[in-house]
Amino acid sequence: MPSMIRRVKGELYVEGISLANIAKEFSTPCYVYSKKAIEENYLSYVEALESQSHLVCYAVKSNSNIAVLQLLSSLGAGFDVVSIGELERVLLAGGDPKKVVFSGLAKTEEEMSRALAVGIHCFNVESQSELFLLNKTAKMMSLSAPVSIRVNPDVDAKTHPYISTGLKEDKFGIEIDKAIEVYLRAAQMPNINIIGVDCHIGSQITEIEPFRDALKRLISLVDKLSESGIKINHLDIGGGVGVRYQNETVLSVSDYINELLPLLKGRSETLLLEPGRSITANAGVLLTKVQYLKHSETKDFAVVDAAMNDMLRPSLYGAWMDIQPILSRDELIESAYDVVGPVCESGDFLGKDRDLKIKEGDYLCLFSAGSYGFVMSSNYNSRPRSAEIMVSEEKAYIIRKRETLSDLVRGEKLIGNDHDFKN
């Protein structure tokens, strides 16, 4: 159970508020985040890096609610964005564009123009074609584009294949043995300003060796670039540490940083990191209500009001996420349930074979839901997306209203005649 959650007299609390009360007041399904947990998780990186020149850029894709971004901005965080939408969210939240790195494979001219106009810290360039377009776009604006080239170090992160990003067969980055050639070409472009080297080997990494191996390869590349007359100001080593969902042995942030810092001793480059999951995953939960208990000869089902459109990770990755009743019911008989949602897909489940003491109408808590939860949600089956709540001590704030049925059809129109079809 994450530290931000505690059970008091059989009832789950987040900070100083009962999760049952939140479920009743705001209805379900809903996401609930702990302000204190987000702060502590972010500051663990800052404190571990105290002796090293650094910039911690929160990966917006993991949780992009503007209240979450506002909180992190107030703590001095930078941001890693992968779209113009994420950039605009950061700006709306008060984030400093000078602390923004723009990652992503398919940046458009529109996105480049906007990022150049607001003055972001750096573009993490993924291909030579992107480099050419960025140089052209910056030239049209009479600006110089700050660039870090994302290299693919061919390091096995030993994580789920969908979130592994550092192998040769992955779509990300430029092969490290071709990077010097690309850097030399970039150095000849009049509107490109080379400032860094970037890599990102994957997410939910629980061992230090892949990180250490990738950093060593980056350092070697930086030294070779220096010999070619190209000075690098920062080393971006990508995401943070993995988190505990079930019984994983994970690295603490301090152990992770302390293992890497000796490799940077005596060097002048600033260290950039792009943690996301480790800041918000275990700072959030998803609350859901048991609508029905369905029994068959071979399987018992707890049919809940949250579905794969609310939380996709179990269906997409086969991810295991802890599920517990908000109120303990020791008087009930425990049964093994598949916790499933109302979406018309056999793949719509939140958990399988979970030993639970529950009855219809009870509330369940899905843990470790603060990252890749709401941001991956959809309106599949025409289901409105859930509310998001931020808890600070003994107060709960709505930071995203629950969608309504009218929200679902906003922008759509009925067609009444042939003229409408033609227009």
Protein backbone atom coordinates (compact mmCIF):
# COMPACT_ATOMS: atom_id res chain seq x y z
CA MET A 1 0.00 0.00 0.00
CA PRO A 2 1.48 3.41 -0.97
CA SER A 3 2.53 5.59 1.95
CA MET A 4 -0.09 8.23 1.13
CA ILE A 5 -2.83 5.69 1.98
CA ARG A 6 -3.52 4.33 5.46
CA ARG A 7 -6.24 2.15 6.93
CA VAL A 8 -7.85 3.49 10.10
CA LYS A 9 -10.33 1.23 11.92
CA GLY A 10 -10.88 -0.73 8.75
CA GLU A 11 -11.34 2.32 6.50
CA LEU A 12 -8.93 3.69 3.87
CA TYR A 13 -7.79 7.30 4.17
CA VAL A 14 -5.75 9.51 1.85
CA GLU A 15 -3.89 12.12 3.89
CA GLY A 16 -6.62 13.19 6.35
CA ILE A 17 -9.74 12.28 4.35
CA SER A 18 -11.79 9.11 4.16
CA LEU A 19 -11.85 7.67 0.65
CA ALA A 20 -15.41 6.49 1.31
CA ASN A 21 -16.46 10.09 1.91
CA ILE A 22 -14.73 11.19 -1.31
CA ALA A 23 -16.52 8.44 -3.26
CA LYS A 24 -19.89 9.48 -1.83
CA GLU A 25 -19.35 13.21 -2.34
CA PHE A 26 -17.86 13.12 -5.85
CA SER A 27 -19.32 9.83 -7.11
CA THR A 28 -17.42 7.10 -8.93
CA PRO A 29 -15.38 6.32 -10.86
CA CYS A 30 -13.00 9.08 -9.85
CA TYR A 31 -9.28 9.64 -9.58
CA VAL A 32 -7.86 10.93 -6.30
CA TYR A 33 -4.35 12.40 -5.93
CA SER A 34 -2.36 13.28 -2.82
CA LYS A 35 -0.72 16.71 -2.96
CA LYS A 36 1.76 15.71 -0.27
CA ALA A 37 2.82 12.53 -2.09
CA ILE A 38 3.44 14.38 -5.36
CA GLU A 39 5.54 16.99 -3.55
CA GLU A 40 7.59 14.38 -1.69
CA ASN A 41 8.19 12.28 -4.79
CA TYR A 42 9.39 15.25 -6.85
CA LEU A 43 11.57 16.66 -4.06
CA SER A 44 13.27 13.28 -3.59
CA TYR A 45 14.97 13.88 -6.97
CA VAL A 46 15.91 17.47 -6.15
CA GLU A 47 17.41 16.51 -2.81
CA ALA A 48 19.36 13.56 -4.24
CA LEU A 49 20.82 15.86 -6.93
CA GLU A 50 21.79 18.67 -4.58
CA SER A 51 25.49 18.31 -5.31
CA GLN A 52 25.03 18.09 -9.11
CA SER A 53 23.99 20.74 -11.61
CA HIS A 54 20.61 19.45 -12.73
CA LEU A 55 17.14 20.03 -14.17
CA VAL A 56 14.30 17.66 -13.28
CA CYS A 57 11.72 17.73 -16.10
CA TYR A 58 8.48 16.02 -15.12
CA ALA A 59 7.13 13.81 -17.93
CA VAL A 60 3.75 15.40 -18.62
CA LYS A 61 2.44 12.33 -20.45
CA SER A 62 2.20 10.42 -17.16
CA ASN A 63 -0.39 12.81 -15.66
CA SER A 64 -1.20 16.07 -17.44
CA ASN A 65 -3.86 17.61 -15.21
CA ILE A 66 -3.04 21.32 -14.99
CA ALA A 67 -3.43 21.35 -11.19
CA VAL A 68 -0.75 18.64 -10.97
CA LEU A 69 1.46 20.66 -13.32
CA GLN A 70 0.80 23.83 -11.33
CA LEU A 71 1.89 22.10 -8.14
CA LEU A 72 5.11 20.85 -9.72
CA SER A 73 5.81 24.24 -11.30
CA SER A 74 5.49 25.88 -7.88
CA LEU A 75 8.24 23.53 -6.67
CA GLY A 76 10.55 24.62 -9.51
CA ALA A 77 10.10 21.64 -11.81
CA GLY A 78 10.87 21.61 -15.49
CA PHE A 79 8.71 19.64 -17.91
CA ASP A 80 9.16 17.04 -20.64
CA VAL A 81 6.41 17.41 -23.27
CA VAL A 82 5.64 15.36 -26.37
CA SER A 83 2.97 17.49 -28.09
CA ILE A 84 1.79 21.06 -28.49
CA GLY A 85 -1.17 20.16 -26.26
CA GLU A 86 1.15 19.20 -23.41
CA LEU A 87 3.18 22.38 -23.96
CA GLU A 88 0.04 24.52 -23.73
CA ARG A 89 -0.97 22.71 -20.53
CA VAL A 90 2.39 23.54 -18.98
CA LEU A 91 2.03 27.19 -19.95
CA LEU A 92 -1.54 27.34 -18.58
CA ALA A 93 -0.24 25.86 -15.32
CA GLY A 94 2.41 28.58 -14.99
CA GLY A 95 5.35 26.43 -16.04
CA ASP A 96 8.55 28.14 -17.17
CA PRO A 97 9.10 27.48 -20.90
CA LYS A 98 12.84 27.87 -20.32
CA LYS A 99 12.61 24.62 -18.32
CA VAL A 100 10.74 22.67 -21.02
CA VAL A 101 12.23 19.95 -23.20
CA PHE A 102 10.18 18.89 -26.22
CA SER A 103 10.42 15.17 -26.99
CA GLY A 104 8.41 13.04 -29.41
CA LEU A 105 8.85 11.43 -32.81
CA ALA A 106 6.61 13.43 -35.11
CA LYS A 107 6.84 17.11 -34.21
CA THR A 108 5.06 19.27 -36.77
CA GLU A 109 6.07 22.67 -38.09
CA GLU A 110 3.21 24.18 -36.07
CA GLU A 111 4.52 22.58 -32.87
CA MET A 112 8.08 23.69 -33.59
CA SER A 113 6.96 27.27 -34.29
CA ARG A 114 5.02 27.51 -31.04
CA ALA A 115 7.84 26.02 -28.98
CA LEU A 116 10.37 28.39 -30.57
CA ALA A 117 8.08 31.38 -29.98
CA VAL A 118 7.73 30.72 -26.25
CA GLY A 119 11.43 29.96 -25.86
CA ILE A 120 11.69 26.38 -24.64
CA HIS A 121 14.93 25.01 -23.22
CA CYS A 122 15.51 22.32 -25.83
CA PHE A 123 14.14 20.13 -28.62
CA ASN A 124 14.96 16.42 -28.23
CA VAL A 125 15.40 15.62 -31.93
CA GLU A 126 14.56 12.06 -33.01
CA SER A 127 15.61 11.94 -36.68
CA GLN A 128 17.57 13.72 -39.40
CA SER A 129 14.35 14.69 -41.16
CA GLU A 130 13.12 16.39 -38.00
CA LEU A 131 16.43 18.23 -37.75
CA PHE A 132 16.06 19.59 -41.29
CA LEU A 133 12.48 20.78 -40.64
CA LEU A 134 13.47 22.38 -37.34
CA ASN A 135 16.32 24.28 -38.99
CA LYS A 136 13.93 25.46 -41.74
CA THR A 137 11.28 26.52 -39.22
CA ALA A 138 13.76 28.39 -37.04
CA LYS A 139 15.16 30.16 -40.12
CA MET A 140 11.69 31.39 -41.11
CA MET A 141 11.34 32.87 -37.61
CA SER A 142 14.89 34.28 -37.55
CA LEU A 143 15.59 32.22 -34.46
CA SER A 144 18.09 29.60 -33.34
CA ALA A 145 16.65 26.26 -32.19
CA PRO A 146 18.32 24.70 -29.11
CA VAL A 147 18.82 21.01 -29.82
CA SER A 148 19.64 17.79 -28.06
CA ILE A 149 19.73 14.72 -30.29
CA ARG A 150 18.09 11.65 -28.87
CA VAL A 151 20.41 8.71 -29.32
CA ASN A 152 19.40 5.09 -29.06
CA PRO A 153 22.09 3.40 -26.96
CA ASP A 154 20.84 -0.16 -27.66
CA VAL A 155 20.41 -0.90 -23.95
CA ASP A 156 17.91 -3.51 -22.78
CA ALA A 157 15.80 -1.90 -20.05
CA LYS A 158 14.31 -5.29 -19.11
CA THR A 159 10.80 -3.91 -18.98
CA HIS A 160 7.52 -4.47 -20.85
CA PRO A 161 8.17 -4.36 -24.63
CA TYR A 162 5.54 -1.62 -25.10
CA ILE A 163 7.48 0.73 -22.80
CA SER A 164 11.01 -0.26 -23.82
CA THR A 165 12.51 2.52 -25.93
CA GLY A 166 16.27 2.01 -26.07
CA LEU A 167 16.85 -1.02 -28.30
CA LYS A 168 17.88 -0.92 -31.96
CA GLU A 169 14.50 -2.24 -33.07
CA ASP A 170 12.59 0.49 -31.18
CA LYS A 171 11.22 3.45 -33.13
CA PHE A 172 12.89 6.07 -30.95
CA GLY A 173 16.11 8.02 -31.43
CA ILE A 174 19.15 7.75 -33.68
CA GLU A 175 21.49 4.77 -33.41
CA ILE A 176 24.38 5.75 -31.20
CA ASP A 177 27.03 4.63 -33.70
CA LYS A 178 25.53 7.06 -36.25
CA ALA A 179 25.07 9.94 -33.82
CA ILE A 180 28.39 11.70 -34.44
CA GLU A 181 27.63 11.94 -38.14
CA VAL A 182 24.23 13.52 -37.37
CA TYR A 183 25.75 15.92 -34.85
CA LEU A 184 28.36 17.06 -37.38
CA ARG A 185 25.60 17.66 -39.90
CA ALA A 186 23.57 19.60 -37.31
CA ALA A 187 26.59 21.73 -36.48
CA GLN A 188 26.60 22.99 -40.07
CA MET A 189 22.98 24.14 -39.90
CA PRO A 190 22.82 27.93 -39.34
CA ASN A 191 19.66 27.91 -37.22
CA ILE A 192 20.50 24.94 -35.00
CA ASN A 193 22.23 25.38 -31.63
CA ILE A 194 23.53 22.10 -30.24
CA ILE A 195 23.33 22.08 -26.44
CA GLY A 196 22.81 18.47 -25.32
CA VAL A 197 22.65 14.72 -25.75
CA ASP A 198 19.49 12.81 -24.87
CA CYS A 199 18.44 9.21 -24.41
CA HIS A 200 15.47 7.39 -22.91
CA ILE A 201 15.68 3.62 -22.58
CA GLY A 202 12.22 2.91 -21.19
CA SER A 203 9.78 3.11 -18.31
CA GLN A 204 9.20 1.06 -15.15
CA ILE A 205 12.87 0.07 -14.88
CA THR A 206 13.70 -1.56 -11.55
CA GLU A 207 17.44 -2.27 -11.95
CA ILE A 208 20.38 0.14 -11.96
CA GLU A 209 22.50 -1.55 -14.64
CA PRO A 210 20.50 -0.36 -17.67
CA PHE A 211 20.71 3.25 -16.42
CA ARG A 212 24.42 2.98 -15.66
CA ASP A 213 25.15 1.34 -19.00
CA ALA A 214 23.23 4.01 -20.92
CA LEU A 215 24.95 6.88 -19.08
CA LYS A 216 28.40 5.40 -19.76
CA ARG A 217 27.60 5.23 -23.47
CA LEU A 218 26.33 8.82 -23.44
CA ILE A 219 29.49 10.05 -21.72
CA SER A 220 31.64 8.25 -24.27
CA LEU A 221 29.68 9.92 -27.06
CA VAL A 222 30.04 13.36 -25.45
CA ASP A 223 33.80 12.92 -25.23
CA LYS A 224 33.99 11.93 -28.91
CA LEU A 225 31.87 14.94 -29.85
CA SER A 226 34.24 17.17 -27.89
CA GLU A 227 37.15 15.81 -29.91
CA SER A 228 35.19 16.82 -33.02
CA GLY A 229 34.76 20.35 -31.72
CA ILE A 230 31.15 20.01 -30.55
CA LYS A 231 30.56 21.10 -26.96
CA ILE A 232 27.71 19.52 -25.02
CA ASN A 233 26.14 21.44 -22.13
CA HIS A 234 23.75 18.84 -20.75
CA LEU A 235 23.25 15.08 -20.54
CA ASP A 236 19.61 13.99 -20.55
CA ILE A 237 19.29 10.41 -19.30
CA GLY A 238 15.53 10.17 -19.65
CA GLY A 239 13.03 8.78 -17.17
CA GLY A 240 13.19 8.02 -13.49
CA VAL A 241 12.98 4.82 -11.48
CA GLY A 242 10.25 2.21 -11.60
CA VAL A 243 7.62 1.98 -8.88
CA ARG A 244 6.16 -0.81 -6.79
CA TYR A 245 2.78 -2.04 -8.06
CA GLN A 246 2.80 -5.49 -6.46
CA ASN A 247 5.94 -7.01 -4.97
CA GLU A 248 8.67 -5.58 -7.24
CA THR A 249 12.05 -4.78 -5.73
CA VAL A 250 12.55 -1.18 -6.80
CA LEU A 251 15.33 1.37 -6.57
CA SER A 252 14.94 4.32 -4.24
CA VAL A 253 15.51 7.67 -5.92
CA SER A 254 18.52 8.36 -3.69
CA ASP A 255 20.12 4.98 -4.50
CA TYR A 256 19.48 5.52 -8.20
CA ILE A 257 21.08 8.97 -8.22
CA ASN A 258 23.96 7.92 -5.96
CA GLU A 259 24.84 5.10 -8.37
CA LEU A 260 25.03 7.53 -11.31
CA LEU A 261 26.74 10.56 -9.79
CA PRO A 262 30.24 8.97 -9.59
CA LEU A 263 30.17 8.65 -13.39
CA LEU A 264 29.75 12.43 -13.64
CA LYS A 265 32.46 13.37 -11.16
CA GLY A 266 34.68 16.13 -12.55
CA ARG A 267 32.44 16.76 -15.53
CA SER A 268 30.82 20.10 -16.36
CA GLU A 269 27.59 18.95 -18.02
CA THR A 270 24.23 19.57 -16.37
CA LEU A 271 22.25 16.38 -15.73
CA LEU A 272 18.65 16.31 -17.01
CA LEU A 273 16.09 13.72 -15.93
CA GLU A 274 12.51 13.18 -17.12
CA PRO A 275 10.72 11.24 -14.35
CA GLY A 276 6.95 10.84 -14.52
CA ARG A 277 5.65 7.54 -13.15
CA SER A 278 7.82 7.74 -10.02
CA ILE A 279 6.34 11.15 -9.15
CA THR A 280 2.63 10.53 -9.68
CA ALA A 281 1.87 6.77 -9.92
CA ASN A 282 1.76 6.01 -6.21
CA ALA A 283 0.35 9.45 -5.45
CA GLY A 284 -3.00 8.52 -7.01
CA VAL A 285 -5.82 5.99 -6.77
CA LEU A 286 -8.95 5.19 -8.76
CA LEU A 287 -12.19 4.71 -6.82
CA THR A 288 -14.98 2.54 -8.18
CA LYS A 289 -18.27 1.09 -6.96
CA VAL A 290 -19.37 -2.55 -7.05
CA GLN A 291 -22.56 -2.55 -9.12
CA TYR A 292 -23.18 -6.31 -9.15
CA LEU A 293 -21.70 -9.56 -7.92
CA LYS A 294 -22.14 -12.19 -10.60
CA HIS A 295 -21.56 -15.87 -9.89
CA SER A 296 -21.14 -18.78 -12.28
CA GLU A 297 -20.01 -22.38 -11.97
CA THR A 298 -16.43 -21.48 -12.88
CA LYS A 299 -15.94 -17.81 -12.04
CA ASP A 300 -17.11 -15.02 -9.72
CA PHE A 301 -17.24 -11.49 -11.08
CA ALA A 302 -17.31 -8.13 -9.31
CA VAL A 303 -18.87 -5.84 -11.90
CA VAL A 304 -17.80 -2.27 -11.13
CA ASP A 305 -18.57 1.15 -12.59
CA ALA A 306 -14.98 1.78 -13.74
CA ALA A 307 -13.87 0.22 -17.00
CA MET A 308 -11.00 -0.11 -19.43
CA ASN A 309 -11.91 3.31 -20.80
CA ASP A 310 -11.15 4.73 -17.33
CA MET A 311 -8.04 2.64 -16.64
CA LEU A 312 -6.43 0.99 -19.66
CA ARG A 313 -3.21 -0.37 -18.15
CA PRO A 314 -4.51 -3.84 -17.14
CA SER A 315 -6.02 -4.44 -20.59
CA LEU A 316 -3.19 -2.87 -22.58
CA TYR A 317 -0.15 -4.14 -20.67
CA GLY A 318 -1.58 -6.92 -18.54
CA ALA A 319 -0.57 -4.67 -15.66
CA TRP A 320 -1.25 -5.84 -12.11
CA MET A 321 -2.69 -3.13 -9.86
CA ASP A 322 -3.63 -3.68 -6.23
CA ILE A 323 -7.38 -3.58 -5.53
CA GLN A 324 -8.79 -3.33 -2.01
CA PRO A 325 -12.19 -2.56 -0.47
CA ILE A 326 -12.33 0.93 0.99
CA LEU A 327 -14.21 -0.48 4.00
CA SER A 328 -13.05 -3.77 5.51
CA ARG A 329 -15.83 -6.32 5.96
CA ASP A 330 -14.41 -9.06 8.14
CA GLU A 331 -17.89 -10.54 8.61
CA LEU A 332 -18.10 -11.51 4.92
CA ILE A 333 -16.75 -14.66 3.27
CA GLU A 334 -13.76 -14.05 1.02
CA SER A 335 -14.09 -15.02 -2.63
CA ALA A 336 -11.81 -14.80 -5.66
CA TYR A 337 -13.27 -12.26 -8.08
CA ASP A 338 -12.43 -10.99 -11.52
CA VAL A 339 -12.98 -7.24 -11.17
CA VAL A 340 -14.55 -6.22 -14.47
CA GLY A 341 -16.18 -3.15 -15.98
CA PRO A 342 -19.28 -2.48 -18.10
CA VAL A 343 -17.51 -1.99 -21.44
CA CYS A 344 -18.48 -4.52 -24.13
CA GLU A 345 -15.06 -6.17 -24.41
CA SER A 346 -13.80 -9.39 -22.81
CA GLY A 347 -10.58 -7.47 -22.24
CA ASP A 348 -12.38 -5.02 -19.95
CA PHE A 349 -10.98 -5.87 -16.55
CA LEU A 350 -9.17 -4.11 -13.72
CA GLY A 351 -7.93 -7.24 -11.99
CA LYS A 352 -8.34 -11.00 -12.07
CA ASP A 353 -8.59 -13.60 -9.29
CA ARG A 354 -8.58 -11.06 -6.47
CA ASP A 355 -9.47 -12.32 -2.99
CA LEU A 356 -12.05 -9.85 -1.72
CA LYS A 357 -14.67 -9.60 1.01
CA ILE A 358 -17.27 -7.41 -0.67
CA LYS A 359 -20.96 -6.94 -1.34
CA GLU A 360 -22.92 -4.98 -3.91
CA GLY A 361 -22.70 -1.24 -3.33
CA ASP A 362 -19.22 -1.38 -1.76
CA TYR A 363 -16.43 0.91 -2.96
CA LEU A 364 -13.09 -0.41 -4.18
CA CYS A 365 -9.75 1.37 -4.40
CA LEU A 366 -7.39 0.70 -7.31
CA PHE A 367 -3.90 1.69 -6.19
CA SER A 368 -0.94 3.18 -8.07
CA ALA A 369 -3.29 4.89 -10.53
CA GLY A 370 -1.75 8.38 -10.63
CA SER A 371 0.28 7.76 -13.80
CA TYR A 372 -1.04 6.56 -17.17
CA GLY A 373 -4.54 6.47 -15.74
CA PHE A 374 -6.73 9.41 -16.64
CA VAL A 375 -4.35 10.50 -19.42
CA MET A 376 -5.03 7.23 -21.27
CA SER A 377 -8.77 7.25 -20.63
CA SER A 378 -11.29 7.55 -23.45
CA ASN A 379 -14.98 7.84 -24.24
CA TYR A 380 -15.22 4.30 -25.59
CA ASN A 381 -18.81 3.01 -25.40
CA SER A 382 -19.80 6.70 -25.11
CA ARG A 383 -18.81 6.77 -21.46
CA PRO A 384 -18.05 10.19 -19.93
CA ARG A 385 -14.57 10.46 -18.46
CA SER A 386 -14.28 10.51 -14.68
CA ALA A 387 -13.64 13.34 -12.25
CA GLU A 388 -10.20 14.07 -10.79
CA ILE A 389 -9.76 15.13 -7.17
CA MET A 390 -6.73 16.58 -5.37
CA VAL A 391 -6.45 16.04 -1.60
CA SER A 392 -4.46 18.41 0.58
CA GLU A 393 -4.47 17.38 4.22
CA GLU A 394 -8.17 17.38 5.17
CA LYS A 395 -9.55 19.14 2.08
CA ALA A 396 -10.53 17.73 -1.30
CA TYR A 397 -10.65 19.83 -4.46
CA ILE A 398 -12.18 19.04 -7.84
CA ILE A 399 -9.39 19.54 -10.37
CA ARG A 400 -11.39 18.14 -13.29
CA LYS A 401 -15.17 17.95 -13.44
CA ARG A 402 -16.79 14.72 -14.50
CA GLU A 403 -17.77 14.84 -18.16
CA THR A 404 -21.45 15.10 -19.01
CA LEU A 405 -23.42 13.55 -21.83
CA SER A 406 -23.44 16.92 -23.59
CA ASP A 407 -19.63 16.95 -23.40
CA LEU A 408 -19.61 13.69 -25.35
CA VAL A 409 -21.29 15.19 -28.42
CA ARG A 410 -19.78 18.68 -28.34
CA GLY A 411 -18.58 19.54 -31.84
CA GLU A 412 -20.77 16.94 -33.55
CA LYS A 413 -23.75 17.83 -35.76
CA LEU A 414 -26.75 16.16 -37.31
CA ILE A 415 -27.05 16.08 -41.09
CA GLY A 416 -30.46 16.95 -42.48
CA ASN A 417 -30.14 17.04 -46.27
CA ASP A 418 -27.80 16.56 -49.25
CA HIS A 419 -26.54 20.13 -48.90
CA ASP A 420 -25.26 19.32 -45.39
CA PHE A 421 -23.36 16.29 -46.73
CA LYS A 422 -21.62 18.47 -49.29
CA ASN A 423 -20.57 21.02 -46.66
